[in-house]
């Protein structure tokens, strides 16, 4: 069995990502650690990654007040640039180079689902500052539908579920076992003629298994389109543009893997003793992409699925869902050409 560190021989900078940490954050549950400084990843006081301008200056939502208008790259860890060798190699930074007339900011949130993307936008970015939002997302929402329950041990990183839910459940058990004071309070309320308090904890819907994968896909699609629709509504009221680019990934048999991609995926796949969900992306990503594409069309949102561009023999991935510098460059160029009406 390989160790995840074995891939450092191929992508040494991934050690910095493996050591990266998160902090609790209001409304979002967690965010990447603020004020992180390194040769690979640098974050501002909100935990947002810096993007780099052509003059090498760094920009982020921290200094959004310095600009009349900004472009936003919104999404999960791929929008964040997980796997890039530096801040300068992420999609927002490449867009800054290709489109120097616009200041592009990085609003990627690692492991974020669509609602967290929406909330982070509302938390950090004044709507009247936005000229355009590029959503670079989709795979996280699709991936989550592979699991019958959020309790699955293969997905502890989504929502930091175990970090939050376990203490809540432990508190519930503790209060249920401490019978004396609730009984005493209810006795006093009874002799005073007040209704008695009944402490009941409803079942956790996120912990209930759903064995039907189609129902899970439908549910995931409902959440994603709800959140994309909210951003579309905001765009119409505030006057900015929105485009959605479905994030590429490695699905089984979908790409001619390079030697580097093959070795990296073999190392990471070996970490799963059984039921590797990453090998099942092909079950959920295509229908998810098709559904989001149809919804975007109905909402007059630009949409492009970048998957077909990432099938050749180039080294484009550092794992199944995150890109190399070349992959992010390729995605940024496709985004730039699409939003500017340039045919490739």
Protein backbone atom coordinates (compact mmCIF):
# COMPACT_ATOMS: atom_id res chain seq x y z
CA UNK A 1 0.00 0.00 0.00
CA UNK A 2 1.36 3.42 -0.96
CA UNK A 3 1.54 6.44 1.28
CA UNK A 4 0.10 9.75 0.12
CA UNK A 5 3.56 11.31 0.55
CA UNK A 6 4.89 9.07 -2.20
CA UNK A 7 3.45 11.48 -4.75
CA UNK A 8 5.82 14.21 -3.56
CA UNK A 9 8.39 12.66 -5.90
CA UNK A 10 6.17 13.87 -8.76
CA UNK A 11 4.39 16.91 -7.31
CA UNK A 12 6.55 18.09 -4.44
CA UNK A 13 4.53 21.26 -3.90
CA UNK A 14 1.50 19.18 -2.84
CA UNK A 15 3.18 18.84 0.57
CA UNK A 16 2.17 22.46 1.17
CA UNK A 17 -1.46 21.63 0.38
CA UNK A 18 -1.40 18.54 2.58
CA UNK A 19 -0.22 20.71 5.47
CA UNK A 20 -2.84 23.38 4.80
CA UNK A 21 -5.43 23.83 7.54
CA UNK A 22 -8.91 25.21 8.09
CA UNK A 23 -10.58 27.27 10.81
CA UNK A 24 -14.21 27.49 11.96
CA UNK A 25 -15.99 30.36 10.26
CA UNK A 26 -19.46 31.85 10.89
CA UNK A 27 -22.18 30.84 8.39
CA UNK A 28 -19.71 28.87 6.25
CA UNK A 29 -18.79 26.36 8.99
CA UNK A 30 -15.11 26.58 8.02
CA UNK A 31 -12.69 28.41 5.76
CA UNK A 32 -9.07 28.08 4.76
CA UNK A 33 -6.75 29.47 7.40
CA UNK A 34 -6.35 33.28 7.19
CA UNK A 35 -3.02 35.05 6.81
CA UNK A 36 -1.24 31.98 5.49
CA UNK A 37 2.14 32.80 3.94
CA UNK A 38 4.21 30.38 1.86
CA UNK A 39 5.84 30.03 -1.53
CA UNK A 40 2.78 28.12 -2.79
CA UNK A 41 -0.36 29.44 -1.02
CA UNK A 42 -1.03 32.86 0.47
CA UNK A 43 -4.33 33.93 2.02
CA UNK A 44 -5.73 37.22 3.28
CA UNK A 45 -7.32 37.94 6.65
CA UNK A 46 -10.55 36.24 5.53
CA UNK A 47 -8.82 33.07 4.34
CA UNK A 48 -9.31 33.97 0.67
CA UNK A 49 -6.42 33.16 -1.61
CA UNK A 50 -4.61 36.06 -3.26
CA UNK A 51 -4.66 36.39 -7.00
CA UNK A 52 -1.78 38.06 -8.82
CA UNK A 53 -1.93 40.97 -11.28
CA UNK A 54 0.39 41.32 -14.31
CA UNK A 55 2.56 43.75 -12.33
CA UNK A 56 3.00 41.00 -9.66
CA UNK A 57 0.86 42.87 -7.11
CA UNK A 58 -1.50 40.72 -5.03
CA UNK A 59 -5.24 41.35 -4.80
CA UNK A 60 -8.03 39.80 -2.77
CA UNK A 61 -11.42 40.65 -1.29
CA UNK A 62 -9.49 42.18 1.58
CA UNK A 63 -8.77 45.24 -0.57
CA UNK A 64 -11.88 45.16 -2.76
CA UNK A 65 -12.59 48.76 -1.77
CA UNK A 66 -9.66 49.86 -3.92
CA UNK A 67 -11.51 48.91 -7.12
CA UNK A 68 -14.62 50.23 -8.80
CA UNK A 69 -15.45 46.83 -10.28
CA UNK A 70 -14.07 43.31 -9.98
CA UNK A 71 -14.50 39.92 -11.56
CA UNK A 72 -15.08 36.99 -9.22
CA UNK A 73 -14.02 33.38 -9.69
CA UNK A 74 -16.37 31.47 -7.42
CA UNK A 75 -16.40 27.76 -6.66
CA UNK A 76 -14.73 25.03 -4.65
CA UNK A 77 -11.13 23.93 -4.33
CA UNK A 78 -10.50 23.96 -8.09
CA UNK A 79 -11.53 27.62 -8.21
CA UNK A 80 -9.23 28.12 -5.21
CA UNK A 81 -6.45 26.61 -7.31
CA UNK A 82 -5.71 23.49 -5.28
CA UNK A 83 -2.70 21.90 -6.94
CA UNK A 84 -1.24 25.05 -8.51
CA UNK A 85 2.43 25.62 -7.78
CA UNK A 86 1.77 29.23 -6.72
CA UNK A 87 -0.95 31.88 -6.44
CA UNK A 88 0.19 33.16 -9.83
CA UNK A 89 -0.85 29.90 -11.52
CA UNK A 90 -4.51 29.86 -10.43
CA UNK A 91 -7.42 30.65 -12.75
CA UNK A 92 -8.08 34.17 -11.34
CA UNK A 93 -4.40 35.08 -11.73
CA UNK A 94 -4.27 33.79 -15.31
CA UNK A 95 -7.43 35.78 -16.08
CA UNK A 96 -5.73 38.87 -14.64
CA UNK A 97 -2.96 38.32 -17.17
CA UNK A 98 -5.28 37.63 -20.10
CA UNK A 99 -7.74 40.39 -19.17
CA UNK A 100 -5.67 43.13 -17.50
CA UNK A 101 -8.57 45.57 -17.68
CA UNK A 102 -10.45 43.54 -15.05
CA UNK A 103 -9.32 42.74 -11.53
CA UNK A 104 -10.14 39.08 -10.94
CA UNK A 105 -10.46 37.90 -7.35
CA UNK A 106 -10.25 34.36 -5.99
CA UNK A 107 -13.37 33.28 -4.09
CA UNK A 108 -12.76 29.54 -4.20
CA UNK A 109 -13.60 27.65 -1.01
CA UNK A 110 -12.04 24.24 -0.46
CA UNK A 111 -14.64 21.41 -0.41
CA UNK A 112 -17.45 23.97 -0.67
CA UNK A 113 -20.86 23.01 -1.94
CA UNK A 114 -22.99 25.43 -3.98
CA UNK A 115 -24.74 26.99 -0.97
CA UNK A 116 -21.43 27.74 0.71
CA UNK A 117 -20.27 29.36 -2.52
CA UNK A 118 -23.37 31.57 -2.48
CA UNK A 119 -22.97 32.49 1.18
CA UNK A 120 -19.28 33.32 0.82
CA UNK A 121 -20.13 35.63 -2.09
CA UNK A 122 -22.70 37.48 0.01
CA UNK A 123 -20.36 37.67 3.00
CA UNK A 124 -17.32 39.13 1.29
CA UNK A 125 -18.29 40.91 -1.94
CA UNK A 126 -20.53 43.99 -2.27
CA UNK A 127 -22.82 43.24 -5.22
CA UNK A 128 -22.34 46.70 -6.72
CA UNK A 129 -18.63 45.95 -7.11
CA UNK A 130 -19.13 42.92 -9.35
CA UNK A 131 -18.82 43.15 -13.12
CA UNK A 132 -18.88 39.39 -13.74
CA UNK A 133 -18.95 36.11 -11.84
CA UNK A 134 -17.29 33.02 -13.24
CA UNK A 135 -18.57 29.90 -11.50
CA UNK A 136 -15.99 27.12 -11.79
CA UNK A 137 -17.70 24.30 -9.98
CA UNK A 138 -19.95 21.25 -10.19
CA UNK A 139 -17.82 18.26 -9.24
CA UNK A 140 -18.25 18.68 -5.47
CA UNK A 141 -22.02 18.65 -5.78
CA UNK A 142 -21.94 15.62 -8.06
CA UNK A 143 -19.45 13.76 -5.85
CA UNK A 144 -21.61 14.14 -2.76
CA UNK A 145 -24.50 12.32 -4.46
CA UNK A 146 -22.42 9.13 -4.55
CA UNK A 147 -23.02 8.60 -0.85
CA UNK A 148 -26.12 7.24 0.82
CA UNK A 149 -25.46 9.31 3.94
CA UNK A 150 -23.24 12.20 5.01
CA UNK A 151 -22.02 9.85 7.75
CA UNK A 152 -20.02 7.89 5.19
CA UNK A 153 -16.37 7.80 6.38
CA UNK A 154 -15.16 8.59 2.86
CA UNK A 155 -16.54 12.14 3.00
CA UNK A 156 -15.56 13.65 6.37
CA UNK A 157 -14.27 16.79 4.63
CA UNK A 158 -17.63 17.95 3.27
CA UNK A 159 -19.15 20.39 5.79
CA UNK A 160 -16.63 19.07 8.36
CA UNK A 161 -19.63 16.89 9.20
CA UNK A 162 -18.00 14.76 11.89
CA UNK A 163 -16.33 17.79 13.48
CA UNK A 164 -19.65 19.52 14.00
CA UNK A 165 -22.30 16.82 14.24
CA UNK A 166 -20.54 14.58 16.76
CA UNK A 167 -20.30 17.27 19.50
CA UNK A 168 -23.94 18.24 18.87
CA UNK A 169 -25.09 14.65 19.27
CA UNK A 170 -22.91 14.19 22.34
CA UNK A 171 -24.48 17.27 23.94
CA UNK A 172 -27.94 15.90 23.15
CA UNK A 173 -27.11 12.58 24.81
CA UNK A 174 -25.68 14.36 27.83
CA UNK A 175 -28.73 16.55 28.37
CA UNK A 176 -31.04 13.57 27.98
CA UNK A 177 -29.19 11.66 30.71
CA UNK A 178 -29.10 14.57 33.16
CA UNK A 179 -32.64 13.97 34.34
CA UNK A 180 -32.71 15.73 37.69
CA UNK A 181 -32.84 19.37 36.71
CA UNK A 182 -35.30 18.97 33.78
CA UNK A 183 -37.61 16.99 36.09
CA UNK A 184 -37.30 19.61 38.83
CA UNK A 185 -38.02 22.42 36.39
CA UNK A 186 -41.09 20.64 35.04
CA UNK A 187 -42.35 19.95 38.60
CA UNK A 188 -42.13 23.65 39.44
CA UNK A 189 -43.84 24.59 36.18
CA UNK A 190 -46.59 22.06 36.90
CA UNK A 191 -47.45 23.42 40.35
CA UNK A 192 -47.48 26.94 38.88
CA UNK A 193 -49.85 25.82 36.12
CA UNK A 194 -47.35 26.33 33.25
CA UNK A 195 -47.02 23.82 30.38
CA UNK A 196 -44.16 21.40 30.85
CA UNK A 197 -41.04 21.57 28.69
CA UNK A 198 -40.50 18.53 26.49
CA UNK A 199 -36.94 18.32 25.20
CA UNK A 200 -36.97 16.32 21.99
CA UNK A 201 -34.29 16.16 19.34
CA UNK A 202 -35.63 15.61 15.83
CA UNK A 203 -33.89 13.06 13.61
CA UNK A 204 -31.04 14.45 11.59
CA UNK A 205 -32.16 14.34 7.93
CA UNK A 206 -28.58 14.53 6.67
CA UNK A 207 -27.77 11.35 8.55
CA UNK A 208 -30.60 9.33 7.04
CA UNK A 209 -29.43 7.00 4.25
CA UNK A 210 -30.89 7.23 0.76
CA UNK A 211 -30.02 4.06 -1.22
CA UNK A 212 -31.46 5.25 -4.57
CA UNK A 213 -28.67 7.03 -6.45
CA UNK A 214 -31.08 8.69 -8.87
CA UNK A 215 -32.96 10.26 -5.97
CA UNK A 216 -29.64 11.49 -4.58
CA UNK A 217 -28.70 13.00 -7.94
CA UNK A 218 -32.11 14.67 -8.19
CA UNK A 219 -31.75 16.05 -4.68
CA UNK A 220 -28.23 17.30 -5.37
CA UNK A 221 -29.40 18.91 -8.60
CA UNK A 222 -32.23 20.62 -6.74
CA UNK A 223 -29.75 22.14 -4.28
CA UNK A 224 -27.31 23.22 -6.98
CA UNK A 225 -29.92 24.84 -9.23
CA UNK A 226 -31.50 26.59 -6.24
CA UNK A 227 -28.17 28.23 -5.43
CA UNK A 228 -27.24 29.02 -9.03
CA UNK A 229 -30.70 30.48 -9.45
CA UNK A 230 -30.16 32.74 -6.44
CA UNK A 231 -26.94 34.06 -7.98
CA UNK A 232 -28.76 34.59 -11.29
CA UNK A 233 -31.45 36.58 -9.49
CA UNK A 234 -28.79 38.71 -7.78
CA UNK A 235 -27.10 39.30 -11.13
CA UNK A 236 -30.30 40.60 -12.69
CA UNK A 237 -30.97 42.96 -9.80
CA UNK A 238 -27.37 44.19 -9.44
CA UNK A 239 -26.50 44.22 -13.15
CA UNK A 240 -23.53 41.85 -13.34
CA UNK A 241 -22.98 38.89 -15.65
CA UNK A 242 -22.73 35.22 -14.67
CA UNK A 243 -21.19 32.29 -16.51
CA UNK A 244 -20.90 28.69 -15.30
CA UNK A 245 -17.99 26.45 -16.27
CA UNK A 246 -18.30 22.83 -15.22
CA UNK A 247 -15.02 21.73 -13.68
CA UNK A 248 -13.19 18.90 -15.49
CA UNK A 249 -12.10 15.75 -13.68
CA UNK A 250 -10.66 12.32 -14.34
CA UNK A 251 -13.41 9.75 -14.81
CA UNK A 252 -12.58 6.12 -15.36
CA UNK A 253 -11.62 5.64 -19.00
CA UNK A 254 -12.32 9.27 -19.90
CA UNK A 255 -8.75 10.48 -20.36
CA UNK A 256 -5.53 9.24 -21.83
CA UNK A 257 -3.48 9.41 -18.62
CA UNK A 258 0.13 10.54 -18.68
CA UNK A 259 2.70 8.59 -16.70
CA UNK A 260 2.53 11.22 -13.97
CA UNK A 261 -1.28 11.16 -13.75
CA UNK A 262 -1.33 7.37 -13.72
CA UNK A 263 1.20 7.09 -10.91
CA UNK A 264 -0.47 9.80 -8.82
CA UNK A 265 -3.94 8.28 -9.15
CA UNK A 266 -2.58 4.82 -8.30
CA UNK A 267 -0.98 6.21 -5.13
CA UNK A 268 -4.15 8.01 -4.05
CA UNK A 269 -6.44 5.12 -5.03
CA UNK A 270 -4.40 2.76 -2.86
CA UNK A 271 -5.35 4.80 0.24
CA UNK A 272 -8.88 3.41 -0.01
CA UNK A 273 -9.14 -0.10 1.36
CA UNK A 274 -12.41 -0.58 -0.53
CA UNK A 275 -15.18 1.35 -2.29
CA UNK A 276 -13.07 4.14 -3.75
CA UNK A 277 -15.68 6.79 -4.61
CA UNK A 278 -13.28 8.69 -6.86
CA UNK A 279 -13.49 5.83 -9.37
CA UNK A 280 -17.26 6.35 -9.57
CA UNK A 281 -17.27 9.97 -10.71
CA UNK A 282 -18.43 8.81 -14.14
CA UNK A 283 -21.75 7.71 -12.61
CA UNK A 284 -22.71 11.19 -11.42
CA UNK A 285 -20.68 13.88 -13.18
CA UNK A 286 -22.20 13.58 -16.71
CA UNK A 287 -25.87 13.77 -15.58
CA UNK A 288 -25.00 16.53 -13.12
CA UNK A 289 -23.25 18.56 -15.83
CA UNK A 290 -26.14 18.05 -18.24
CA UNK A 291 -28.68 19.12 -15.62
CA UNK A 292 -26.79 22.25 -14.66
CA UNK A 293 -26.26 23.11 -18.34
CA UNK A 294 -30.00 22.88 -19.01
CA UNK A 295 -30.80 24.99 -15.97
CA UNK A 296 -28.25 27.67 -16.93
CA UNK A 297 -29.80 27.88 -20.38
CA UNK A 298 -33.24 28.42 -18.85
CA UNK A 299 -31.81 31.21 -16.67
CA UNK A 300 -29.87 32.83 -19.54
CA UNK A 301 -26.57 32.02 -17.81
CA UNK A 302 -23.61 31.22 -20.01
CA UNK A 303 -22.52 27.58 -19.63
CA UNK A 304 -19.62 25.51 -20.86
CA UNK A 305 -18.60 22.02 -19.81
CA UNK A 306 -14.80 21.98 -19.92
CA UNK A 307 -14.55 18.18 -19.67
CA UNK A 308 -14.02 17.58 -23.42
CA UNK A 309 -10.95 19.83 -23.36
CA UNK A 310 -9.25 17.66 -20.73
CA UNK A 311 -9.27 14.25 -22.42
CA UNK A 312 -5.98 14.24 -24.34
CA UNK A 313 -2.50 13.09 -23.45
CA UNK A 314 -1.31 16.25 -21.68
CA UNK A 315 -0.43 16.25 -17.98
CA UNK A 316 -3.39 18.27 -16.66
CA UNK A 317 -4.23 16.79 -13.23
CA UNK A 318 -2.49 16.47 -9.85
CA UNK A 319 -5.31 14.17 -8.70
CA UNK A 320 -8.69 13.18 -10.09
CA UNK A 321 -10.34 16.59 -9.55
CA UNK A 322 -7.57 19.20 -9.35
CA UNK A 323 -5.37 20.52 -12.11
CA UNK A 324 -1.72 21.17 -12.79
CA UNK A 325 -0.55 24.67 -13.68
CA UNK A 326 -1.06 23.74 -17.32
CA UNK A 327 -4.59 22.54 -16.57
CA UNK A 328 -5.55 25.78 -14.83
CA UNK A 329 -3.97 27.78 -17.67
CA UNK A 330 -6.02 25.78 -20.16
CA UNK A 331 -9.23 26.32 -18.17
CA UNK A 332 -8.57 30.06 -17.79
CA UNK A 333 -7.93 30.45 -21.50
CA UNK A 334 -11.21 28.65 -22.30
CA UNK A 335 -13.06 30.89 -19.84
CA UNK A 336 -11.49 34.04 -21.28
CA UNK A 337 -12.35 33.06 -24.84
CA UNK A 338 -15.92 32.11 -23.92
CA UNK A 339 -16.79 35.30 -22.02
CA UNK A 340 -15.26 37.42 -24.79
CA UNK A 341 -16.92 35.54 -27.63
CA UNK A 342 -13.62 34.32 -29.08
CA UNK A 343 -13.84 31.07 -31.00
CA UNK A 344 -11.00 28.70 -30.24
